[in-house]
C-alpha atoms as a PDB file:
ATOM      1  CA  MET A   1      25.607-142.046  47.633  1.00  0.00           C
ATOM      2  CA  SER A   2      25.149-143.223  44.045  1.00  0.00           C
ATOM      3  CA  LYS A   3      26.881-141.947  40.947  1.00  0.00           C
ATOM      4  CA  ARG A   4      25.027-139.923  38.352  1.00  0.00           C
ATOM      5  CA  LYS A   5      23.821-141.833  35.344  1.00  0.00           C
ATOM      6  CA  GLN A   6      25.953-141.405  32.251  1.00  0.00           C
ATOM      7  CA  HIS A   7      23.994-141.282  29.002  1.00  0.00           C
ATOM      8  CA  ALA A   8      25.443-142.306  25.663  1.00  0.00           C
ATOM      9  CA  PRO A   9      25.891-139.564  23.060  1.00  0.00           C
ATOM     10  CA  GLU A  10      23.466-141.408  20.784  1.00  0.00           C
ATOM     11  CA  PHE A  11      20.776-141.296  23.462  1.00  0.00           C
ATOM     12  CA  LYS A  12      21.353-137.589  24.055  1.00  0.00           C
ATOM     13  CA  ALA A  13      21.121-136.878  20.331  1.00  0.00           C
ATOM     14  CA  LYS A  14      17.902-138.871  20.050  1.00  0.00           C
ATOM     15  CA  VAL A  15      16.281-136.989  22.935  1.00  0.00           C
ATOM     16  CA  ALA A  16      17.513-133.605  21.646  1.00  0.00           C
ATOM     17  CA  LEU A  17      16.127-134.317  18.179  1.00  0.00           C
ATOM     18  CA  GLU A  18      12.783-135.242  19.690  1.00  0.00           C
ATOM     19  CA  ALA A  19      12.833-131.950  21.591  1.00  0.00           C
ATOM     20  CA  LEU A  20      13.602-130.061  18.377  1.00  0.00           C
ATOM     21  CA  LYS A  21      10.569-131.585  16.687  1.00  0.00           C
ATOM     22  CA  GLY A  22       8.390-129.783  19.206  1.00  0.00           C
ATOM     23  CA  GLU A  23       5.687-132.441  19.151  1.00  0.00           C
ATOM     24  CA  GLU A  24       6.004-133.023  22.907  1.00  0.00           C
ATOM     25  CA  THR A  25       6.912-130.750  25.800  1.00  0.00           C
ATOM     26  CA  ALA A  26      10.173-131.184  27.684  1.00  0.00           C
ATOM     27  CA  ALA A  27       8.166-132.574  30.611  1.00  0.00           C
ATOM     28  CA  GLU A  28       6.537-135.184  28.388  1.00  0.00           C
ATOM     29  CA  LEU A  29       9.886-136.160  26.887  1.00  0.00           C
ATOM     30  CA  ALA A  30      11.418-136.318  30.364  1.00  0.00           C
ATOM     31  CA  THR A  31       8.773-138.786  31.445  1.00  0.00           C
ATOM     32  CA  ARG A  32       9.133-140.805  28.247  1.00  0.00           C
ATOM     33  CA  PHE A  33      12.924-141.040  28.383  1.00  0.00           C
ATOM     34  CA  GLY A  34      13.423-141.003  32.157  1.00  0.00           C
ATOM     35  CA  VAL A  35      15.564-137.862  32.368  1.00  0.00           C
ATOM     36  CA  HIS A  36      15.106-134.424  33.926  1.00  0.00           C
ATOM     37  CA  PRO A  37      13.626-131.687  31.675  1.00  0.00           C
ATOM     38  CA  THR A  38      16.656-129.490  32.387  1.00  0.00           C
ATOM     39  CA  MET A  39      18.896-132.111  30.769  1.00  0.00           C
ATOM     40  CA  ILE A  40      16.692-132.114  27.693  1.00  0.00           C
ATOM     41  CA  HIS A  41      17.028-128.335  27.377  1.00  0.00           C
ATOM     42  CA  GLN A  42      20.831-128.581  27.762  1.00  0.00           C
ATOM     43  CA  TRP A  43      21.135-131.351  25.171  1.00  0.00           C
ATOM     44  CA  LYS A  44      18.887-129.462  22.743  1.00  0.00           C
ATOM     45  CA  ARG A  45      21.006-126.309  23.148  1.00  0.00           C
ATOM     46  CA  ALA A  46      24.231-128.302  22.669  1.00  0.00           C
ATOM     47  CA  LEU A  47      22.827-129.894  19.522  1.00  0.00           C
ATOM     48  CA  LEU A  48      21.862-126.533  18.059  1.00  0.00           C
ATOM     49  CA  GLU A  49      25.232-124.970  18.919  1.00  0.00           C
ATOM     50  CA  GLY A  50      27.221-127.867  17.474  1.00  0.00           C
ATOM     51  CA  ALA A  51      25.123-128.516  14.390  1.00  0.00           C
ATOM     52  CA  SER A  52      27.033-126.040  12.220  1.00  0.00           C
ATOM     53  CA  GLY A  53      30.189-128.109  12.747  1.00  0.00           C
ATOM     54  CA  VAL A  54      28.689-130.860  10.633  1.00  0.00           C
ATOM     55  CA  PHE A  55      28.874-128.602   7.591  1.00  0.00           C
ATOM     56  CA  GLU A  56      32.350-127.151   8.118  1.00  0.00           C
ATOM     57  CA  ARG A  57      34.816-127.507   5.264  1.00  0.00           C
ATOM     58  CA  GLY A  58      37.380-130.227   5.580  1.00  0.00           C
ATOM     59  CA  GLY A  59      34.986-132.864   6.895  1.00  0.00           C
ATOM     60  CA  ARG A  60      35.711-134.237  10.311  1.00  0.00           C
ATOM     61  CA  LYS A  61      37.766-132.419  12.896  1.00  0.00           C
ATOM     62  CA  LYS A  62      41.383-133.378  13.137  1.00  0.00           C
ATOM     63  CA  PRO A  63      42.033-135.375  16.302  1.00  0.00           C
ATOM     64  CA  GLU A  64      43.524-133.370  19.134  1.00  0.00           C
ATOM     65  CA  ILE A  65      47.006-134.486  20.123  1.00  0.00           C
ATOM     66  CA  ASP A  66      47.928-134.550  23.783  1.00  0.00           C
ATOM     67  CA  GLU A  67      51.622-133.687  23.715  1.00  0.00           C
ATOM     68  CA  GLU A  68      52.190-134.927  27.284  1.00  0.00           C
ATOM     69  CA  GLN A  69      50.708-138.303  26.430  1.00  0.00           C
ATOM     70  CA  VAL A  70      52.848-138.524  23.278  1.00  0.00           C
ATOM     71  CA  LYS A  71      55.995-137.848  25.347  1.00  0.00           C
ATOM     72  CA  GLU A  72      54.979-140.439  27.927  1.00  0.00           C
ATOM     73  CA  LEU A  73      54.273-143.108  25.308  1.00  0.00           C
ATOM     74  CA  HIS A  74      57.481-142.300  23.461  1.00  0.00           C
ATOM     75  CA  ALA A  75      59.437-142.685  26.713  1.00  0.00           C
ATOM     76  CA  ARG A  76      57.845-146.108  27.249  1.00  0.00           C
ATOM     77  CA  ILE A  77      58.772-147.252  23.754  1.00  0.00           C
ATOM     78  CA  VAL A  78      62.341-145.990  23.885  1.00  0.00           C
ATOM     79  CA  GLY A  79      62.851-147.396  27.317  1.00  0.00           C
END
């Protein structure tokens, strides 16, 4: 059994933007980009839901800190 194909975020954004344009149907885009139409709908929805984050105050999101990983790395450094 083969693994599912992983698409780069840039590719997903490109396909979702094409879907937003509305110049082609999801089926046409699916054929053009080699993905299932359902994926195109999901990526389009994700793009629309996350688009407002681009305009939030404070610029980019602060990176999330994984406290467990910090403890583990600190333990490695200290010995």
